[in-house]
């Protein structure tokens, strides 16, 4: 019985995959299949090596801020995001006043 060896990827390939993942907004599973990776866990391990704001990825600021806000706001304008945040804060303030 032969043991399967882990496939080695060079750093430029890993950075391309991560950049595609962050830019596309698709799931890790989808990106893993798209790039022919064994599973999405390799993407998770690469994220630890190159966080979203790392210089090597050189992603646009709007993508970085979107992921820092939890990723739920992808595709929304800054104004829409801020309006939702204001609404959330107003509701919180109202609840606190009632308490």
N, C-alpha and C. Protein backbone atom coordinates (compact mmCIF):
# COMPACT_ATOMS: atom_id res chain seq x y z
N UNK A 1 0.85 -1.17 0.00
CA UNK A 1 0.00 0.00 0.00
C UNK A 1 0.90 1.24 0.00
N UNK A 2 0.62 2.15 -0.91
CA UNK A 2 1.42 3.38 -0.97
C UNK A 2 0.68 4.50 -0.27
N UNK A 3 1.45 5.33 0.34
CA UNK A 3 0.86 6.46 1.05
C UNK A 3 0.76 7.65 0.10
N UNK A 4 -0.41 8.28 0.08
CA UNK A 4 -0.58 9.48 -0.76
C UNK A 4 0.27 10.60 -0.20
N UNK A 5 0.95 11.27 -1.09
CA UNK A 5 1.76 12.40 -0.66
C UNK A 5 0.98 13.68 -0.86
N UNK A 6 1.22 14.61 0.05
CA UNK A 6 0.57 15.91 -0.08
C UNK A 6 1.14 16.63 -1.28
N UNK A 7 0.26 17.24 -2.03
CA UNK A 7 0.69 17.99 -3.20
C UNK A 7 1.28 19.32 -2.74
N UNK A 8 2.38 19.70 -3.32
CA UNK A 8 3.04 20.96 -2.97
C UNK A 8 2.64 22.03 -3.98
N UNK A 9 2.31 23.19 -3.47
CA UNK A 9 1.96 24.34 -4.32
C UNK A 9 2.94 25.46 -4.03
N UNK A 10 3.32 26.19 -5.06
CA UNK A 10 4.22 27.31 -4.80
C UNK A 10 3.42 28.50 -4.27
N UNK A 11 4.13 29.43 -3.66
CA UNK A 11 3.48 30.56 -3.00
C UNK A 11 2.66 31.41 -3.97
N UNK A 12 3.12 31.57 -5.19
CA UNK A 12 2.36 32.40 -6.14
C UNK A 12 1.01 31.77 -6.45
N UNK A 13 0.96 30.45 -6.54
CA UNK A 13 -0.31 29.76 -6.77
C UNK A 13 -1.24 29.96 -5.57
N UNK A 14 -0.70 29.80 -4.38
CA UNK A 14 -1.50 29.96 -3.16
C UNK A 14 -2.09 31.37 -3.09
N UNK A 15 -1.27 32.36 -3.42
CA UNK A 15 -1.74 33.74 -3.38
C UNK A 15 -2.81 34.00 -4.44
N UNK A 16 -2.68 33.37 -5.60
CA UNK A 16 -3.71 33.50 -6.64
C UNK A 16 -5.04 32.93 -6.15
N UNK A 17 -4.98 31.76 -5.53
CA UNK A 17 -6.20 31.13 -5.02
C UNK A 17 -6.84 32.00 -3.95
N UNK A 18 -6.03 32.49 -3.01
CA UNK A 18 -6.58 33.35 -1.95
C UNK A 18 -7.18 34.63 -2.52
N UNK A 19 -6.50 35.22 -3.46
CA UNK A 19 -7.00 36.44 -4.09
C UNK A 19 -8.33 36.17 -4.79
N UNK A 20 -8.42 35.06 -5.48
CA UNK A 20 -9.67 34.68 -6.14
C UNK A 20 -10.78 34.46 -5.12
N UNK A 21 -10.45 33.79 -4.03
CA UNK A 21 -11.44 33.54 -2.98
C UNK A 21 -11.99 34.85 -2.41
N UNK A 22 -11.09 35.74 -2.02
CA UNK A 22 -11.53 37.00 -1.43
C UNK A 22 -12.26 37.89 -2.43
N UNK A 23 -11.81 37.91 -3.65
CA UNK A 23 -12.40 38.80 -4.66
C UNK A 23 -13.75 38.31 -5.16
N UNK A 24 -13.90 36.99 -5.25
CA UNK A 24 -15.12 36.44 -5.85
C UNK A 24 -16.30 36.39 -4.88
N UNK A 25 -16.00 36.21 -3.60
CA UNK A 25 -17.08 36.06 -2.64
C UNK A 25 -17.69 34.67 -2.65
N UNK A 26 -17.09 33.75 -3.38
CA UNK A 26 -17.59 32.37 -3.44
C UNK A 26 -17.09 31.60 -2.22
N UNK A 27 -17.68 30.42 -2.02
CA UNK A 27 -17.30 29.60 -0.87
C UNK A 27 -15.92 28.99 -1.06
N UNK A 28 -15.33 28.58 0.05
CA UNK A 28 -14.03 27.92 -0.02
C UNK A 28 -14.14 26.61 -0.79
N UNK A 29 -15.25 25.89 -0.61
CA UNK A 29 -15.44 24.64 -1.35
C UNK A 29 -15.47 24.89 -2.85
N UNK A 30 -16.18 25.92 -3.27
CA UNK A 30 -16.26 26.24 -4.69
C UNK A 30 -14.87 26.58 -5.25
N UNK A 31 -14.15 27.42 -4.53
CA UNK A 31 -12.81 27.83 -4.99
C UNK A 31 -11.87 26.63 -5.03
N UNK A 32 -11.97 25.74 -4.03
CA UNK A 32 -11.12 24.55 -4.01
C UNK A 32 -11.38 23.69 -5.25
N UNK A 33 -12.64 23.49 -5.59
CA UNK A 33 -12.96 22.71 -6.79
C UNK A 33 -12.49 23.43 -8.05
N UNK A 34 -12.70 24.73 -8.09
CA UNK A 34 -12.31 25.51 -9.27
C UNK A 34 -10.81 25.40 -9.56
N UNK A 35 -10.01 25.42 -8.51
CA UNK A 35 -8.56 25.39 -8.67
C UNK A 35 -7.98 23.98 -8.56
N UNK A 36 -8.84 22.97 -8.44
CA UNK A 36 -8.37 21.59 -8.41
C UNK A 36 -7.68 21.19 -7.12
N UNK A 37 -8.09 21.77 -6.02
CA UNK A 37 -7.51 21.43 -4.72
C UNK A 37 -8.26 20.25 -4.12
N UNK A 38 -7.60 19.52 -3.24
CA UNK A 38 -8.19 18.33 -2.65
C UNK A 38 -9.42 18.67 -1.80
N UNK A 39 -9.34 19.74 -1.03
CA UNK A 39 -10.49 20.21 -0.24
C UNK A 39 -10.24 21.64 0.22
N UNK A 40 -11.23 22.20 0.88
CA UNK A 40 -11.14 23.62 1.25
C UNK A 40 -10.21 23.87 2.43
N UNK A 41 -9.80 22.84 3.14
CA UNK A 41 -8.96 23.06 4.32
C UNK A 41 -7.58 23.64 3.96
N UNK A 42 -7.12 23.40 2.73
CA UNK A 42 -5.85 24.00 2.34
C UNK A 42 -5.99 25.51 2.25
N UNK A 43 -7.15 25.99 1.83
CA UNK A 43 -7.38 27.43 1.76
C UNK A 43 -7.35 28.02 3.17
N UNK A 44 -7.94 27.31 4.12
CA UNK A 44 -7.94 27.77 5.51
C UNK A 44 -6.51 27.89 6.03
N UNK A 45 -5.68 26.90 5.73
CA UNK A 45 -4.29 26.95 6.21
C UNK A 45 -3.51 28.08 5.53
N UNK A 46 -3.82 28.34 4.25
CA UNK A 46 -3.15 29.43 3.55
C UNK A 46 -3.59 30.78 4.10
N UNK A 47 -4.83 30.88 4.54
CA UNK A 47 -5.32 32.14 5.13
C UNK A 47 -4.53 32.48 6.39
N UNK A 48 -4.10 31.47 7.10
CA UNK A 48 -3.31 31.71 8.31
C UNK A 48 -1.93 32.27 7.95
N UNK A 49 -1.39 31.83 6.82
CA UNK A 49 -0.09 32.32 6.38
C UNK A 49 -0.17 33.74 5.82
N UNK A 50 -1.26 34.00 5.07
CA UNK A 50 -1.45 35.31 4.44
C UNK A 50 -2.82 35.85 4.81
N UNK A 51 -2.91 36.61 5.90
CA UNK A 51 -4.18 37.24 6.25
C UNK A 51 -4.66 38.16 5.13
N UNK A 52 -5.91 38.50 5.16
CA UNK A 52 -6.52 39.27 4.07
C UNK A 52 -5.81 40.59 3.81
N UNK A 53 -5.24 41.18 4.84
CA UNK A 53 -4.59 42.48 4.66
C UNK A 53 -3.08 42.37 4.41
N UNK A 54 -2.59 41.16 4.13
CA UNK A 54 -1.16 41.01 3.88
C UNK A 54 -0.74 41.68 2.58
N UNK A 55 0.46 42.20 2.58
CA UNK A 55 0.97 42.93 1.41
C UNK A 55 1.08 42.04 0.19
N UNK A 56 1.35 40.77 0.40
CA UNK A 56 1.51 39.85 -0.73
C UNK A 56 0.22 39.68 -1.53
N UNK A 57 -0.91 39.75 -0.85
CA UNK A 57 -2.20 39.62 -1.55
C UNK A 57 -2.56 40.89 -2.30
N UNK A 58 -2.19 42.02 -1.74
CA UNK A 58 -2.48 43.35 -2.30
C UNK A 58 -3.91 43.47 -2.84
N UNK A 59 -4.87 43.21 -1.94
CA UNK A 59 -6.28 43.31 -2.29
C UNK A 59 -6.77 44.75 -2.14
N UNK A 60 -7.79 45.13 -2.90
CA UNK A 60 -8.35 46.47 -2.76
C UNK A 60 -8.91 46.70 -1.35
N UNK A 61 -8.89 47.92 -0.91
CA UNK A 61 -9.32 48.27 0.44
C UNK A 61 -10.78 47.90 0.70
N UNK A 62 -11.64 48.01 -0.33
CA UNK A 62 -13.06 47.69 -0.11
C UNK A 62 -13.27 46.20 0.16
N UNK A 63 -12.46 45.34 -0.42
CA UNK A 63 -12.57 43.91 -0.14
C UNK A 63 -12.11 43.62 1.28
N UNK A 64 -11.01 44.24 1.67
CA UNK A 64 -10.49 44.05 3.02
C UNK A 64 -11.50 44.51 4.06
N UNK A 65 -12.06 45.70 3.88
CA UNK A 65 -13.03 46.21 4.85
C UNK A 65 -14.30 45.37 4.87
N UNK A 66 -14.69 44.83 3.73
CA UNK A 66 -15.87 43.98 3.67
C UNK A 66 -15.68 42.73 4.52
N UNK A 67 -14.52 42.11 4.44
CA UNK A 67 -14.27 40.91 5.23
C UNK A 67 -14.09 41.24 6.69
N UNK A 68 -13.56 42.38 6.99
CA UNK A 68 -13.42 42.77 8.40
C UNK A 68 -14.78 43.01 9.03
N UNK A 69 -15.77 43.37 8.23
CA UNK A 69 -17.12 43.58 8.74
C UNK A 69 -17.91 42.27 8.74
N UNK A 70 -17.24 41.18 8.54
CA UNK A 70 -17.92 39.89 8.59
C UNK A 70 -18.29 39.34 7.23
N UNK A 71 -18.00 40.07 6.18
CA UNK A 71 -18.28 39.58 4.84
C UNK A 71 -19.72 39.68 4.42
N UNK A 72 -20.61 40.02 5.34
CA UNK A 72 -22.03 40.04 5.01
C UNK A 72 -22.39 41.22 4.13
N UNK A 73 -21.53 42.20 4.02
CA UNK A 73 -21.86 43.42 3.29
C UNK A 73 -21.27 43.48 1.89
N UNK A 74 -20.77 42.36 1.40
CA UNK A 74 -20.20 42.36 0.05
C UNK A 74 -21.26 42.77 -0.96
N UNK A 75 -20.88 43.64 -1.87
CA UNK A 75 -21.80 44.08 -2.90
C UNK A 75 -22.60 45.32 -2.53
N UNK A 76 -22.48 45.76 -1.29
CA UNK A 76 -23.19 46.96 -0.86
C UNK A 76 -22.23 48.14 -0.93
N UNK A 77 -22.82 49.32 -1.13
CA UNK A 77 -21.99 50.52 -1.15
C UNK A 77 -21.64 50.90 0.29
N UNK A 78 -20.63 51.74 0.43
CA UNK A 78 -20.24 52.21 1.76
C UNK A 78 -21.39 52.93 2.44
N UNK A 79 -22.14 53.69 1.66
CA UNK A 79 -23.27 54.43 2.22
C UNK A 79 -24.34 53.47 2.76
N UNK A 80 -24.63 52.41 2.03
CA UNK A 80 -25.61 51.44 2.50
C UNK A 80 -25.14 50.75 3.78
N UNK A 81 -23.88 50.42 3.82
CA UNK A 81 -23.31 49.77 5.01
C UNK A 81 -23.42 50.69 6.22
N UNK A 82 -23.07 51.96 6.01
CA UNK A 82 -23.13 52.93 7.12
C UNK A 82 -24.57 53.17 7.57
N UNK A 83 -25.50 53.24 6.62
CA UNK A 83 -26.91 53.44 6.99
C UNK A 83 -27.42 52.27 7.83
N UNK A 84 -27.05 51.05 7.45
CA UNK A 84 -27.46 49.88 8.23
C UNK A 84 -26.84 49.91 9.63
N UNK A 85 -25.60 50.32 9.70
CA UNK A 85 -24.91 50.40 10.98
C UNK A 85 -25.58 51.45 11.88
N UNK A 86 -25.94 52.59 11.31
CA UNK A 86 -26.64 53.63 12.06
C UNK A 86 -27.96 53.10 12.59
N UNK A 87 -28.70 52.40 11.74
CA UNK A 87 -29.99 51.83 12.16
C UNK A 87 -29.80 50.85 13.31
N UNK A 88 -28.78 50.00 13.21
CA UNK A 88 -28.50 49.04 14.28
C UNK A 88 -28.18 49.75 15.59
N UNK A 89 -27.37 50.81 15.51
CA UNK A 89 -27.01 51.56 16.71
C UNK A 89 -28.21 52.29 17.31
N UNK A 90 -29.07 52.82 16.45
CA UNK A 90 -30.27 53.49 16.95
C UNK A 90 -31.19 52.50 17.66
N UNK A 91 -31.34 51.29 17.11
CA UNK A 91 -32.16 50.27 17.77
C UNK A 91 -31.55 49.88 19.11
N UNK A 92 -30.24 49.74 19.15
CA UNK A 92 -29.57 49.39 20.41
C UNK A 92 -29.77 50.47 21.45
N UNK A 93 -29.65 51.71 21.04
CA UNK A 93 -29.85 52.83 21.97
C UNK A 93 -31.28 52.84 22.48
N UNK A 94 -32.22 52.62 21.60
CA UNK A 94 -33.62 52.60 22.00
C UNK A 94 -33.88 51.48 23.01
N UNK A 95 -33.32 50.31 22.76
CA UNK A 95 -33.50 49.18 23.68
C UNK A 95 -32.87 49.49 25.03
N UNK A 96 -31.72 50.10 25.01
CA UNK A 96 -31.04 50.44 26.27
C UNK A 96 -31.85 51.47 27.06
N UNK A 97 -32.44 52.43 26.39
CA UNK A 97 -33.27 53.44 27.07
C UNK A 97 -34.49 52.78 27.71
N UNK A 98 -35.07 51.82 27.01
CA UNK A 98 -36.25 51.13 27.55
C UNK A 98 -35.88 50.27 28.75
N UNK A 99 -34.68 49.76 28.75
CA UNK A 99 -34.22 48.92 29.85
C UNK A 99 -34.02 49.76 31.09
